[in-house]
C-alpha atoms as a PDB file:
ATOM      1  CA  UNK A   1       0.866  21.996  17.666  1.00  0.00           C
ATOM      2  CA  UNK A   2      -2.311  22.301  19.732  1.00  0.00           C
ATOM      3  CA  UNK A   3      -3.196  25.684  18.155  1.00  0.00           C
ATOM      4  CA  UNK A   4      -2.567  24.342  14.646  1.00  0.00           C
ATOM      5  CA  UNK A   5      -4.877  21.407  15.280  1.00  0.00           C
ATOM      6  CA  UNK A   6      -7.590  23.702  16.632  1.00  0.00           C
ATOM      7  CA  UNK A   7      -7.248  25.928  13.565  1.00  0.00           C
ATOM      8  CA  UNK A   8      -7.520  22.940  11.226  1.00  0.00           C
ATOM      9  CA  UNK A   9     -10.522  21.550  13.102  1.00  0.00           C
ATOM     10  CA  UNK A  10     -12.330  24.909  12.860  1.00  0.00           C
ATOM     11  CA  UNK A  11     -11.570  25.076   9.136  1.00  0.00           C
ATOM     12  CA  UNK A  12     -12.913  21.554   8.626  1.00  0.00           C
ATOM     13  CA  UNK A  13     -16.054  22.342  10.641  1.00  0.00           C
ATOM     14  CA  UNK A  14     -16.600  25.471   8.564  1.00  0.00           C
ATOM     15  CA  UNK A  15     -16.162  23.539   5.330  1.00  0.00           C
ATOM     16  CA  UNK A  16     -18.631  20.880   6.460  1.00  0.00           C
ATOM     17  CA  UNK A  17     -21.207  23.561   7.226  1.00  0.00           C
ATOM     18  CA  UNK A  18     -20.565  25.364   3.915  1.00  0.00           C
ATOM     19  CA  UNK A  19     -20.831  22.203   1.850  1.00  0.00           C
ATOM     20  CA  UNK A  20     -24.485  21.887   2.876  1.00  0.00           C
ATOM     21  CA  UNK A  21     -25.363  25.372   1.599  1.00  0.00           C
ATOM     22  CA  UNK A  22     -27.029  24.971  -1.827  1.00  0.00           C
ATOM     23  CA  UNK A  23     -25.148  27.805  -3.562  1.00  0.00           C
ATOM     24  CA  UNK A  24     -21.660  27.112  -2.234  1.00  0.00           C
ATOM     25  CA  UNK A  25     -18.804  25.844  -4.387  1.00  0.00           C
ATOM     26  CA  UNK A  26     -18.185  23.028  -1.913  1.00  0.00           C
ATOM     27  CA  UNK A  27     -21.749  21.791  -2.355  1.00  0.00           C
ATOM     28  CA  UNK A  28     -21.295  21.722  -6.118  1.00  0.00           C
ATOM     29  CA  UNK A  29     -18.004  19.826  -5.807  1.00  0.00           C
ATOM     30  CA  UNK A  30     -19.052  17.377  -3.100  1.00  0.00           C
ATOM     31  CA  UNK A  31     -22.780  17.336  -3.866  1.00  0.00           C
ATOM     32  CA  UNK A  32     -23.590  16.597  -0.230  1.00  0.00           C
ATOM     33  CA  UNK A  33     -27.324  16.205  -0.794  1.00  0.00           C
ATOM     34  CA  UNK A  34     -26.920  13.623  -3.540  1.00  0.00           C
ATOM     35  CA  UNK A  35     -27.068  10.192  -1.944  1.00  0.00           C
ATOM     36  CA  UNK A  36     -26.555   8.334  -5.227  1.00  0.00           C
ATOM     37  CA  UNK A  37     -23.093   6.981  -5.809  1.00  0.00           C
ATOM     38  CA  UNK A  38     -21.323   6.901  -9.147  1.00  0.00           C
ATOM     39  CA  UNK A  39     -19.244   3.929  -8.020  1.00  0.00           C
ATOM     40  CA  UNK A  40     -19.480   0.723  -9.984  1.00  0.00           C
ATOM     41  CA  UNK A  41     -20.815  -2.291  -8.158  1.00  0.00           C
ATOM     42  CA  UNK A  42     -18.466  -5.256  -8.227  1.00  0.00           C
ATOM     43  CA  UNK A  43     -20.182  -8.587  -8.802  1.00  0.00           C
ATOM     44  CA  UNK A  44     -20.097 -10.641  -5.624  1.00  0.00           C
ATOM     45  CA  UNK A  45     -18.527 -13.621  -7.402  1.00  0.00           C
ATOM     46  CA  UNK A  46     -15.251 -11.720  -7.858  1.00  0.00           C
ATOM     47  CA  UNK A  47     -14.929 -10.587  -4.255  1.00  0.00           C
ATOM     48  CA  UNK A  48     -11.818 -11.828  -2.444  1.00  0.00           C
ATOM     49  CA  UNK A  49     -12.500 -14.754  -0.179  1.00  0.00           C
ATOM     50  CA  UNK A  50     -15.229 -16.371  -2.289  1.00  0.00           C
ATOM     51  CA  UNK A  51     -14.747 -19.890  -3.587  1.00  0.00           C
ATOM     52  CA  UNK A  52     -15.260 -18.740  -7.181  1.00  0.00           C
ATOM     53  CA  UNK A  53     -12.422 -16.224  -6.833  1.00  0.00           C
ATOM     54  CA  UNK A  54     -10.161 -18.898  -5.333  1.00  0.00           C
ATOM     55  CA  UNK A  55     -10.816 -21.257  -8.254  1.00  0.00           C
ATOM     56  CA  UNK A  56     -10.333 -18.357 -10.695  1.00  0.00           C
ATOM     57  CA  UNK A  57      -6.961 -17.501  -9.128  1.00  0.00           C
ATOM     58  CA  UNK A  58      -5.836 -21.151  -9.122  1.00  0.00           C
ATOM     59  CA  UNK A  59      -6.727 -21.508 -12.804  1.00  0.00           C
ATOM     60  CA  UNK A  60      -4.880 -18.261 -13.584  1.00  0.00           C
ATOM     61  CA  UNK A  61      -1.805 -19.496 -11.737  1.00  0.00           C
ATOM     62  CA  UNK A  62      -1.900 -22.813 -13.592  1.00  0.00           C
ATOM     63  CA  UNK A  63      -2.147 -20.979 -16.903  1.00  0.00           C
ATOM     64  CA  UNK A  64       0.833 -18.777 -16.110  1.00  0.00           C
ATOM     65  CA  UNK A  65       2.924 -21.776 -15.032  1.00  0.00           C
ATOM     66  CA  UNK A  66       1.877 -23.711 -18.152  1.00  0.00           C
ATOM     67  CA  UNK A  67       2.887 -20.866 -20.464  1.00  0.00           C
ATOM     68  CA  UNK A  68       6.149 -20.272 -18.629  1.00  0.00           C
ATOM     69  CA  UNK A  69       7.172 -23.908 -19.025  1.00  0.00           C
ATOM     70  CA  UNK A  70       5.750 -24.560 -22.483  1.00  0.00           C
ATOM     71  CA  UNK A  71       7.386 -21.528 -24.083  1.00  0.00           C
ATOM     72  CA  UNK A  72      10.758 -22.553 -22.699  1.00  0.00           C
ATOM     73  CA  UNK A  73      10.221 -26.138 -23.883  1.00  0.00           C
ATOM     74  CA  UNK A  74       9.184 -25.006 -27.363  1.00  0.00           C
ATOM     75  CA  UNK A  75      12.215 -22.745 -27.692  1.00  0.00           C
ATOM     76  CA  UNK A  76      14.615 -25.430 -26.492  1.00  0.00           C
ATOM     77  CA  UNK A  77      13.326 -28.677 -28.028  1.00  0.00           C
ATOM     78  CA  UNK A  78      10.823 -28.127 -30.833  1.00  0.00           C
ATOM     79  CA  UNK A  79      11.790 -27.807 -34.436  1.00  0.00           C
ATOM     80  CA  UNK A  80       9.904 -25.776 -36.998  1.00  0.00           C
ATOM     81  CA  UNK A  81       8.467 -28.876 -38.664  1.00  0.00           C
ATOM     82  CA  UNK A  82       6.837 -30.317 -35.530  1.00  0.00           C
ATOM     83  CA  UNK A  83       3.216 -29.527 -34.942  1.00  0.00           C
ATOM     84  CA  UNK A  84       1.946 -28.387 -31.608  1.00  0.00           C
ATOM     85  CA  UNK A  85       0.006 -31.148 -29.834  1.00  0.00           C
ATOM     86  CA  UNK A  86      -1.304 -28.927 -27.037  1.00  0.00           C
ATOM     87  CA  UNK A  87      -3.257 -26.507 -29.231  1.00  0.00           C
ATOM     88  CA  UNK A  88      -6.487 -27.146 -27.303  1.00  0.00           C
ATOM     89  CA  UNK A  89      -4.926 -26.285 -23.947  1.00  0.00           C
ATOM     90  CA  UNK A  90      -3.331 -23.145 -25.351  1.00  0.00           C
ATOM     91  CA  UNK A  91      -6.606 -21.978 -26.926  1.00  0.00           C
ATOM     92  CA  UNK A  92      -8.394 -22.640 -23.623  1.00  0.00           C
ATOM     93  CA  UNK A  93      -5.867 -20.600 -21.650  1.00  0.00           C
ATOM     94  CA  UNK A  94      -5.868 -17.850 -24.308  1.00  0.00           C
ATOM     95  CA  UNK A  95      -9.639 -17.509 -24.034  1.00  0.00           C
ATOM     96  CA  UNK A  96      -9.439 -17.591 -20.260  1.00  0.00           C
ATOM     97  CA  UNK A  97      -6.857 -14.785 -20.184  1.00  0.00           C
ATOM     98  CA  UNK A  98      -8.921 -12.694 -22.616  1.00  0.00           C
ATOM     99  CA  UNK A  99     -11.965 -13.107 -20.341  1.00  0.00           C
ATOM    100  CA  UNK A 100      -9.770 -12.326 -17.331  1.00  0.00           C
ATOM    101  CA  UNK A 101      -8.665  -9.037 -18.904  1.00  0.00           C
ATOM    102  CA  UNK A 102     -12.229  -7.833 -19.481  1.00  0.00           C
ATOM    103  CA  UNK A 103     -14.016  -9.351 -16.484  1.00  0.00           C
END
């Protein structure tokens, strides 16, 4: 096992040296000299642990519970002729979930 680890370490050291050579394939793949990152920056308001994220998650949970209960209620007790009295709440949660999908 010791020899295998030494062999791997030498290979990794060699690759690290080669990736800094301008004409090497590793340099083109890794682009070691390029310090810019192509990663997207996440807005700080959506980071876990922030109060905004906590409120967002609570509102999402309330929306899921509301829909779970209201759909069952509508299937069990509403007739076709009755109109829905909670249209405003449903539109609010629909808009919230659409924003949640794209935010």
